[in-house]
Amino acid sequence: MTSIGRMASSGSKKAAKSVGRYVDPHVRGRVTAKQQVSHDHSPHWFGWVLLDLMLFGVLVITLNYLQVLPGSTSSWYLVLGLAALFSAFYLATRFR
């Protein structure tokens, strides 16, 4: 009798659970504990700050090139707009 035949004829429940197409994750020890949902979400204001920074950065850069801002075209306006955009993208990577 082969080893497969012995396992099939043994009638053991443990052998039946560890062999076959579907094996219960609890039997294999492959179950990850669930996390509480409340700890995974960002505060409600987080998304609004993110969007405000993006819009502010695009608006400052656009108005700079249209020469609407005081002081004509300045590289400092470009730096301000890019800093707002980069900080918004950083916040976007932290958003849940």
N, C-alpha and C. Protein backbone atom coordinates (compact mmCIF):
# COMPACT_ATOMS: atom_id res chain seq x y z
N MET A 1 0.84 -1.16 0.00
CA MET A 1 0.00 0.00 0.00
C MET A 1 0.90 1.24 0.00
N THR A 2 0.57 2.21 -0.83
CA THR A 2 1.37 3.43 -0.92
C THR A 2 1.02 4.38 0.22
N SER A 3 1.81 5.43 0.34
CA SER A 3 1.56 6.39 1.42
C SER A 3 0.25 7.13 1.21
N ILE A 4 -0.16 7.35 -0.04
CA ILE A 4 -1.43 8.01 -0.30
C ILE A 4 -2.58 7.10 0.10
N GLY A 5 -2.44 5.85 -0.18
CA GLY A 5 -3.48 4.89 0.19
C GLY A 5 -3.64 4.79 1.69
N ARG A 6 -2.53 4.84 2.42
CA ARG A 6 -2.61 4.78 3.87
C ARG A 6 -3.31 6.00 4.44
N MET A 7 -3.04 7.19 3.88
CA MET A 7 -3.68 8.41 4.38
C MET A 7 -5.17 8.39 4.10
N ALA A 8 -5.55 7.87 2.94
CA ALA A 8 -6.96 7.83 2.58
C ALA A 8 -7.72 6.82 3.42
N SER A 9 -7.08 5.71 3.75
CA SER A 9 -7.78 4.68 4.50
C SER A 9 -7.71 4.90 6.00
N SER A 10 -6.88 5.83 6.46
CA SER A 10 -6.74 6.02 7.89
C SER A 10 -7.98 6.66 8.50
N GLY A 11 -8.71 7.49 7.75
CA GLY A 11 -9.92 8.09 8.26
C GLY A 11 -9.65 9.22 9.25
N SER A 12 -8.46 9.64 9.36
CA SER A 12 -8.10 10.71 10.28
C SER A 12 -8.60 12.05 9.76
N LYS A 13 -9.22 12.84 10.64
CA LYS A 13 -9.72 14.14 10.23
C LYS A 13 -8.57 15.10 9.95
N LYS A 14 -7.49 14.99 10.70
CA LYS A 14 -6.35 15.88 10.48
C LYS A 14 -5.74 15.63 9.11
N ALA A 15 -5.63 14.40 8.69
CA ALA A 15 -5.09 14.09 7.37
C ALA A 15 -6.02 14.59 6.28
N ALA A 16 -7.32 14.53 6.50
CA ALA A 16 -8.27 14.99 5.50
C ALA A 16 -8.23 16.51 5.37
N LYS A 17 -7.94 17.24 6.45
CA LYS A 17 -7.92 18.69 6.38
C LYS A 17 -6.63 19.22 5.77
N SER A 18 -5.55 18.47 5.86
CA SER A 18 -4.28 18.97 5.35
C SER A 18 -3.98 18.48 3.94
N VAL A 19 -4.86 17.70 3.36
CA VAL A 19 -4.66 17.20 2.02
C VAL A 19 -5.87 17.58 1.18
N GLY A 20 -5.62 17.99 -0.04
CA GLY A 20 -6.72 18.27 -0.94
C GLY A 20 -6.61 19.63 -1.56
N ARG A 21 -7.64 19.98 -2.29
CA ARG A 21 -7.63 21.24 -3.03
C ARG A 21 -7.76 22.44 -2.10
N TYR A 22 -8.67 22.42 -1.16
CA TYR A 22 -8.84 23.54 -0.24
C TYR A 22 -8.43 23.12 1.14
N VAL A 23 -7.54 23.88 1.72
CA VAL A 23 -7.10 23.64 3.09
C VAL A 23 -7.47 24.88 3.88
N ASP A 24 -8.15 24.68 4.98
CA ASP A 24 -8.62 25.78 5.82
C ASP A 24 -7.44 26.63 6.29
N PRO A 25 -7.51 27.96 6.15
CA PRO A 25 -6.39 28.81 6.59
C PRO A 25 -6.08 28.71 8.08
N HIS A 26 -7.11 28.44 8.89
CA HIS A 26 -6.87 28.31 10.32
C HIS A 26 -6.02 27.08 10.63
N VAL A 27 -6.20 26.03 9.85
CA VAL A 27 -5.42 24.81 10.06
C VAL A 27 -3.96 25.06 9.68
N ARG A 28 -3.75 25.80 8.61
CA ARG A 28 -2.38 26.08 8.16
C ARG A 28 -1.70 27.15 9.01
N GLY A 29 -2.47 27.89 9.80
CA GLY A 29 -1.87 28.97 10.59
C GLY A 29 -1.61 30.20 9.76
N ARG A 30 -2.41 30.43 8.71
CA ARG A 30 -2.22 31.54 7.79
C ARG A 30 -3.27 32.63 7.95
N VAL A 31 -3.74 32.87 9.13
CA VAL A 31 -4.79 33.85 9.35
C VAL A 31 -4.16 35.11 9.95
N THR A 32 -4.44 36.26 9.33
CA THR A 32 -3.95 37.54 9.81
C THR A 32 -5.03 38.19 10.67
N ALA A 33 -4.64 38.70 11.81
CA ALA A 33 -5.60 39.34 12.70
C ALA A 33 -6.13 40.61 12.05
N LYS A 34 -7.43 40.86 12.18
CA LYS A 34 -8.05 42.04 11.59
C LYS A 34 -7.73 43.27 12.43
N GLN A 35 -7.54 44.40 11.74
CA GLN A 35 -7.30 45.67 12.42
C GLN A 35 -8.61 46.42 12.54
N GLN A 36 -8.68 47.28 13.53
CA GLN A 36 -9.87 48.09 13.68
C GLN A 36 -9.91 49.14 12.57
N VAL A 37 -11.09 49.38 12.05
CA VAL A 37 -11.25 50.29 10.92
C VAL A 37 -10.97 51.73 11.31
N SER A 38 -11.30 52.12 12.51
CA SER A 38 -11.16 53.52 12.91
C SER A 38 -9.71 53.99 12.91
N HIS A 39 -8.75 53.10 13.06
CA HIS A 39 -7.35 53.50 13.09
C HIS A 39 -6.75 53.62 11.70
N ASP A 40 -7.47 53.15 10.67
CA ASP A 40 -6.92 53.16 9.32
C ASP A 40 -7.27 54.41 8.52
N HIS A 41 -8.21 55.22 8.98
CA HIS A 41 -8.67 56.33 8.17
C HIS A 41 -8.03 57.64 8.59
N SER A 42 -7.82 58.51 7.60
CA SER A 42 -7.31 59.85 7.87
C SER A 42 -8.45 60.72 8.42
N PRO A 43 -8.11 61.81 9.10
CA PRO A 43 -9.16 62.72 9.57
C PRO A 43 -9.94 63.31 8.39
N HIS A 44 -11.14 63.78 8.65
CA HIS A 44 -12.00 64.27 7.57
C HIS A 44 -11.44 65.51 6.90
N TRP A 45 -10.63 66.30 7.57
CA TRP A 45 -10.08 67.52 7.00
C TRP A 45 -8.86 67.26 6.14
N PHE A 46 -8.30 66.08 6.22
CA PHE A 46 -7.04 65.77 5.52
C PHE A 46 -7.18 65.91 4.01
N GLY A 47 -8.27 65.38 3.47
CA GLY A 47 -8.48 65.45 2.02
C GLY A 47 -8.70 66.88 1.55
N TRP A 48 -9.37 67.69 2.37
CA TRP A 48 -9.60 69.09 1.99
C TRP A 48 -8.29 69.88 1.98
N VAL A 49 -7.41 69.63 2.93
CA VAL A 49 -6.12 70.31 2.94
C VAL A 49 -5.31 69.91 1.72
N LEU A 50 -5.37 68.64 1.39
CA LEU A 50 -4.65 68.13 0.22
C LEU A 50 -5.14 68.83 -1.06
N LEU A 51 -6.44 68.89 -1.25
CA LEU A 51 -6.99 69.54 -2.44
C LEU A 51 -6.72 71.04 -2.45
N ASP A 52 -6.80 71.68 -1.29
CA ASP A 52 -6.52 73.12 -1.22
C ASP A 52 -5.07 73.42 -1.60
N LEU A 53 -4.14 72.61 -1.13
CA LEU A 53 -2.74 72.83 -1.48
C LEU A 53 -2.50 72.63 -2.97
N MET A 54 -3.15 71.62 -3.56
CA MET A 54 -2.98 71.41 -5.00
C MET A 54 -3.54 72.58 -5.81
N LEU A 55 -4.73 73.00 -5.45
CA LEU A 55 -5.34 74.12 -6.18
C LEU A 55 -4.55 75.42 -5.98
N PHE A 56 -4.07 75.65 -4.77
CA PHE A 56 -3.27 76.84 -4.50
C PHE A 56 -1.99 76.84 -5.32
N GLY A 57 -1.31 75.69 -5.37
CA GLY A 57 -0.07 75.60 -6.14
C GLY A 57 -0.29 75.83 -7.62
N VAL A 58 -1.33 75.23 -8.19
CA VAL A 58 -1.62 75.43 -9.61
C VAL A 58 -2.02 76.87 -9.88
N LEU A 59 -2.80 77.46 -8.97
CA LEU A 59 -3.26 78.83 -9.14
C LEU A 59 -2.09 79.83 -9.09
N VAL A 60 -1.19 79.64 -8.15
CA VAL A 60 -0.04 80.56 -8.02
C VAL A 60 0.85 80.46 -9.25
N ILE A 61 1.12 79.26 -9.73
CA ILE A 61 1.97 79.10 -10.91
C ILE A 61 1.29 79.70 -12.15
N THR A 62 0.00 79.46 -12.29
CA THR A 62 -0.72 80.01 -13.44
C THR A 62 -0.76 81.53 -13.41
N LEU A 63 -1.09 82.11 -12.26
CA LEU A 63 -1.15 83.57 -12.15
C LEU A 63 0.23 84.21 -12.30
N ASN A 64 1.28 83.49 -11.93
CA ASN A 64 2.63 84.00 -12.11
C ASN A 64 2.95 84.14 -13.59
N TYR A 65 2.61 83.14 -14.37
CA TYR A 65 2.92 83.20 -15.80
C TYR A 65 1.97 84.12 -16.57
N LEU A 66 0.81 84.41 -16.01
CA LEU A 66 -0.07 85.40 -16.62
C LEU A 66 0.29 86.82 -16.20
N GLN A 67 1.28 86.95 -15.34
CA GLN A 67 1.79 88.23 -14.82
C GLN A 67 0.69 89.04 -14.12
N VAL A 68 -0.15 88.35 -13.35
CA VAL A 68 -1.22 89.00 -12.61
C VAL A 68 -0.77 89.33 -11.18
N LEU A 69 0.14 88.57 -10.65
CA LEU A 69 0.60 88.77 -9.27
C LEU A 69 1.49 90.01 -9.19
N PRO A 70 1.52 90.66 -8.01
CA PRO A 70 2.37 91.85 -7.87
C PRO A 70 3.85 91.51 -8.01
N GLY A 71 4.59 92.41 -8.60
CA GLY A 71 6.02 92.19 -8.78
C GLY A 71 6.34 91.50 -10.08
N SER A 72 5.39 91.46 -11.00
CA SER A 72 5.55 90.83 -12.31
C SER A 72 5.90 89.35 -12.14
N THR A 73 6.61 88.78 -13.10
CA THR A 73 6.97 87.37 -13.03
C THR A 73 8.17 87.21 -12.10
N SER A 74 8.02 86.30 -11.12
CA SER A 74 9.09 86.09 -10.15
C SER A 74 9.30 84.60 -9.96
N SER A 75 10.54 84.23 -9.80
CA SER A 75 10.83 82.81 -9.57
C SER A 75 10.38 82.37 -8.18
N TRP A 76 10.19 83.31 -7.26
CA TRP A 76 9.73 82.95 -5.92
C TRP A 76 8.29 82.47 -5.93
N TYR A 77 7.49 83.03 -6.84
CA TYR A 77 6.12 82.53 -6.98
C TYR A 77 6.12 81.09 -7.49
N LEU A 78 7.02 80.81 -8.40
CA LEU A 78 7.15 79.45 -8.91
C LEU A 78 7.57 78.49 -7.79
N VAL A 79 8.51 78.92 -6.96
CA VAL A 79 8.97 78.10 -5.83
C VAL A 79 7.81 77.87 -4.85
N LEU A 80 7.03 78.90 -4.57
CA LEU A 80 5.88 78.77 -3.67
C LEU A 80 4.85 77.78 -4.23
N GLY A 81 4.55 77.91 -5.51
CA GLY A 81 3.58 77.00 -6.12
C GLY A 81 4.07 75.56 -6.15
N LEU A 82 5.34 75.37 -6.48
CA LEU A 82 5.89 74.00 -6.50
C LEU A 82 5.97 73.41 -5.11
N ALA A 83 6.29 74.22 -4.11
CA ALA A 83 6.33 73.72 -2.73
C ALA A 83 4.94 73.28 -2.28
N ALA A 84 3.91 74.04 -2.66
CA ALA A 84 2.54 73.66 -2.32
C ALA A 84 2.15 72.36 -3.02
N LEU A 85 2.53 72.21 -4.29
CA LEU A 85 2.21 70.99 -5.03
C LEU A 85 2.96 69.78 -4.46
N PHE A 86 4.23 69.94 -4.15
CA PHE A 86 4.99 68.81 -3.61
C PHE A 86 4.47 68.40 -2.24
N SER A 87 4.09 69.38 -1.41
CA SER A 87 3.54 69.01 -0.11
C SER A 87 2.18 68.33 -0.26
N ALA A 88 1.39 68.73 -1.26
CA ALA A 88 0.11 68.07 -1.52
C ALA A 88 0.32 66.64 -1.98
N PHE A 89 1.30 66.43 -2.84
CA PHE A 89 1.58 65.05 -3.28
C PHE A 89 2.11 64.19 -2.14
N TYR A 90 2.88 64.79 -1.24
CA TYR A 90 3.34 64.05 -0.06
C TYR A 90 2.16 63.64 0.81
N LEU A 91 1.22 64.57 1.02
CA LEU A 91 0.03 64.25 1.80
C LEU A 91 -0.82 63.20 1.10
N ALA A 92 -0.83 63.23 -0.23
CA ALA A 92 -1.62 62.25 -0.97
C ALA A 92 -1.10 60.83 -0.77
N THR A 93 0.21 60.69 -0.55
CA THR A 93 0.74 59.35 -0.30
C THR A 93 0.40 58.85 1.10
N ARG A 94 0.03 59.77 2.01
CA ARG A 94 -0.33 59.41 3.38
C ARG A 94 -1.83 59.26 3.58
N PHE A 95 -2.61 59.59 2.55
CA PHE A 95 -4.07 59.58 2.67
C PHE A 95 -4.61 58.16 2.67
N ARG A 96 -5.53 57.87 3.58
CA ARG A 96 -6.16 56.54 3.63
C ARG A 96 -7.65 56.68 3.57
